[in-house]
Structures are given as structure tokens and as C-alpha cells.
Amino acid sequence: MFYAPSQLEPLDEFTVTCGNGRVITYEVNVVRQYPRNAFPRRLRPTTHPEMHLITRGGPVDDRARSHRDNTVVYANQTDPLSSSRR
């Protein structure tokens, strides 16, 4: 589970531990906010391991009880050829 992904900034790092114990480190390269009604159908093509974290963001629409936007964190795997075990 990610805590407050919308607070991540470029150059921040985070790790993901896979079910097999492999630990993968990612570095944030950009954070974008999209209106919910204009969310991109395709985020963007990649040629390397990349993660997209998508969460609600922006102002809250009290009437709809929902955020008006989505925040997307784009992060690259820091070393796609290596992994470690915990």
C-alpha cells in the first residue's frame, strides 16, 4: 500500500516488495494531475520498466463526494537488471 502517493515529487524513491521477496526500487520522474473527465486513455508508451501510481487528487466536489482530478505518479525502475531479497 502506498501512503499519500500524491505527495511524491520528482527524484523521490520508493520500493515495492513482490510476493517472491524481490525488492524493486523506483524513482519518481514526474507527477501529473488530470481532470477526471479528461483522464488519458493511454498514459504513455515506455521502453523500460516503469510504474504508474494513480490516485484521486485535486479539489473535492462536495456534491459528488469525490475528488475532481486524478493524480498520476510516473516512476522508473532504478536498476531494471538487478533485484534484492529481504
C-alpha atoms as a PDB file:
ATOM      1  CA  MET A   1       0.000   0.000   0.000  1.00  0.00           C
ATOM      2  CA  PHE A   2       1.252   3.462  -0.796  1.00  0.00           C
ATOM      3  CA  TYR A   3       0.834   6.276   1.667  1.00  0.00           C
ATOM      4  CA  ALA A   4      -0.002   9.636   0.089  1.00  0.00           C
ATOM      5  CA  PRO A   5       1.345   8.988  -3.427  1.00  0.00           C
ATOM      6  CA  SER A   6       0.139  12.442  -4.467  1.00  0.00           C
ATOM      7  CA  GLN A   7       2.802  13.914  -2.143  1.00  0.00           C
ATOM      8  CA  LEU A   8       5.640  12.265  -4.042  1.00  0.00           C
ATOM      9  CA  GLU A   9       7.920  14.574  -6.007  1.00  0.00           C
ATOM     10  CA  PRO A  10      10.463  14.075  -8.801  1.00  0.00           C
ATOM     11  CA  LEU A  11      13.622  12.275  -7.608  1.00  0.00           C
ATOM     12  CA  ASP A  12      11.806  10.697  -4.620  1.00  0.00           C
ATOM     13  CA  GLU A  13      12.361   6.948  -4.376  1.00  0.00           C
ATOM     14  CA  PHE A  14      10.086   4.180  -3.143  1.00  0.00           C
ATOM     15  CA  THR A  15      10.360   0.403  -3.008  1.00  0.00           C
ATOM     16  CA  VAL A  16       7.952  -2.382  -3.817  1.00  0.00           C
ATOM     17  CA  THR A  17       8.338  -5.840  -2.304  1.00  0.00           C
ATOM     18  CA  CYS A  18       6.984  -8.568  -4.571  1.00  0.00           C
ATOM     19  CA  GLY A  19       5.356 -11.759  -3.337  1.00  0.00           C
ATOM     20  CA  ASN A  20       8.552 -13.689  -4.071  1.00  0.00           C
ATOM     21  CA  GLY A  21      10.613 -11.364  -1.853  1.00  0.00           C
ATOM     22  CA  ARG A  22      12.134  -9.362  -4.693  1.00  0.00           C
ATOM     23  CA  VAL A  23      12.522  -5.689  -3.798  1.00  0.00           C
ATOM     24  CA  ILE A  24      12.265  -3.200  -6.643  1.00  0.00           C
ATOM     25  CA  THR A  25      13.232   0.464  -6.280  1.00  0.00           C
ATOM     26  CA  TYR A  26      11.601   3.186  -8.358  1.00  0.00           C
ATOM     27  CA  GLU A  27      12.483   6.851  -8.784  1.00  0.00           C
ATOM     28  CA  VAL A  28       9.735   9.384  -9.451  1.00  0.00           C
ATOM     29  CA  ASN A  29      10.318  11.325 -12.641  1.00  0.00           C
ATOM     30  CA  VAL A  30       7.077  13.316 -12.919  1.00  0.00           C
ATOM     31  CA  VAL A  31       3.734  13.815 -11.164  1.00  0.00           C
ATOM     32  CA  ARG A  32       0.740  14.929 -13.233  1.00  0.00           C
ATOM     33  CA  GLN A  33      -2.796  15.889 -12.331  1.00  0.00           C
ATOM     34  CA  TYR A  34      -5.611  15.219 -14.808  1.00  0.00           C
ATOM     35  CA  PRO A  35      -9.266  16.230 -14.609  1.00  0.00           C
ATOM     36  CA  ARG A  36     -11.304  13.051 -14.086  1.00  0.00           C
ATOM     37  CA  ASN A  37     -13.327  13.768 -17.203  1.00  0.00           C
ATOM     38  CA  ALA A  38     -10.120  14.178 -19.269  1.00  0.00           C
ATOM     39  CA  PHE A  39      -8.032  11.295 -17.930  1.00  0.00           C
ATOM     40  CA  PRO A  40      -5.743   9.979 -20.698  1.00  0.00           C
ATOM     41  CA  ARG A  41      -6.890   6.704 -22.230  1.00  0.00           C
ATOM     42  CA  ARG A  42      -3.286   5.676 -22.629  1.00  0.00           C
ATOM     43  CA  LEU A  43      -0.783   7.029 -20.151  1.00  0.00           C
ATOM     44  CA  ARG A  44       2.311   6.853 -22.356  1.00  0.00           C
ATOM     45  CA  PRO A  45       4.450   4.220 -24.021  1.00  0.00           C
ATOM     46  CA  THR A  46       7.609   3.099 -22.254  1.00  0.00           C
ATOM     47  CA  THR A  47      10.758   1.309 -23.311  1.00  0.00           C
ATOM     48  CA  HIS A  48      11.894   0.487 -19.768  1.00  0.00           C
ATOM     49  CA  PRO A  49      10.298  -0.786 -16.529  1.00  0.00           C
ATOM     50  CA  GLU A  50       8.051   1.963 -15.239  1.00  0.00           C
ATOM     51  CA  MET A  51       5.284   2.218 -12.654  1.00  0.00           C
ATOM     52  CA  HIS A  52       2.240   4.467 -12.784  1.00  0.00           C
ATOM     53  CA  LEU A  53       0.589   5.177  -9.430  1.00  0.00           C
ATOM     54  CA  ILE A  54      -2.905   6.568  -9.890  1.00  0.00           C
ATOM     55  CA  THR A  55      -4.896   8.152  -7.082  1.00  0.00           C
ATOM     56  CA  ARG A  56      -7.591  10.733  -6.549  1.00  0.00           C
ATOM     57  CA  GLY A  57      -6.414  14.327  -6.295  1.00  0.00           C
ATOM     58  CA  GLY A  58      -7.255  17.969  -6.646  1.00  0.00           C
ATOM     59  CA  PRO A  59     -10.193  19.719  -5.046  1.00  0.00           C
ATOM     60  CA  VAL A  60     -13.078  17.776  -3.558  1.00  0.00           C
ATOM     61  CA  ASP A  61     -16.506  18.087  -5.124  1.00  0.00           C
ATOM     62  CA  ASP A  62     -18.699  18.068  -2.006  1.00  0.00           C
ATOM     63  CA  ARG A  63     -21.836  17.437  -4.020  1.00  0.00           C
ATOM     64  CA  ALA A  64     -20.390  14.340  -5.704  1.00  0.00           C
ATOM     65  CA  ARG A  65     -18.353  13.358  -2.610  1.00  0.00           C
ATOM     66  CA  SER A  66     -15.342  12.797  -4.788  1.00  0.00           C
ATOM     67  CA  HIS A  67     -12.149  14.452  -5.923  1.00  0.00           C
ATOM     68  CA  ARG A  68     -12.360  16.255  -9.237  1.00  0.00           C
ATOM     69  CA  ASP A  69      -8.994  15.087 -10.512  1.00  0.00           C
ATOM     70  CA  ASN A  70      -6.700  12.070 -10.683  1.00  0.00           C
ATOM     71  CA  THR A  71      -3.019  12.301  -9.794  1.00  0.00           C
ATOM     72  CA  VAL A  72      -0.592  10.063 -11.685  1.00  0.00           C
ATOM     73  CA  VAL A  73       2.931   9.422 -10.420  1.00  0.00           C
ATOM     74  CA  TYR A  74       5.294   8.207 -13.156  1.00  0.00           C
ATOM     75  CA  ALA A  75       8.357   6.391 -11.815  1.00  0.00           C
ATOM     76  CA  ASN A  76      11.205   4.474 -13.437  1.00  0.00           C
ATOM     77  CA  GLN A  77      12.733   1.333 -12.008  1.00  0.00           C
ATOM     78  CA  THR A  78      16.184   2.442 -10.836  1.00  0.00           C
ATOM     79  CA  ASP A  79      18.073  -0.705 -11.856  1.00  0.00           C
ATOM     80  CA  PRO A  80      15.966  -2.995 -14.039  1.00  0.00           C
ATOM     81  CA  LEU A  81      18.730  -5.608 -14.282  1.00  0.00           C
ATOM     82  CA  SER A  82      19.172  -6.246 -10.577  1.00  0.00           C
ATOM     83  CA  SER A  83      16.984  -7.090  -7.634  1.00  0.00           C
ATOM     84  CA  SER A  84      17.475  -7.873  -3.984  1.00  0.00           C
ATOM     85  CA  ARG A  85      15.737 -10.058  -1.431  1.00  0.00           C
ATOM     86  CA  ARG A  86      14.627  -9.067   2.037  1.00  0.00           C
END
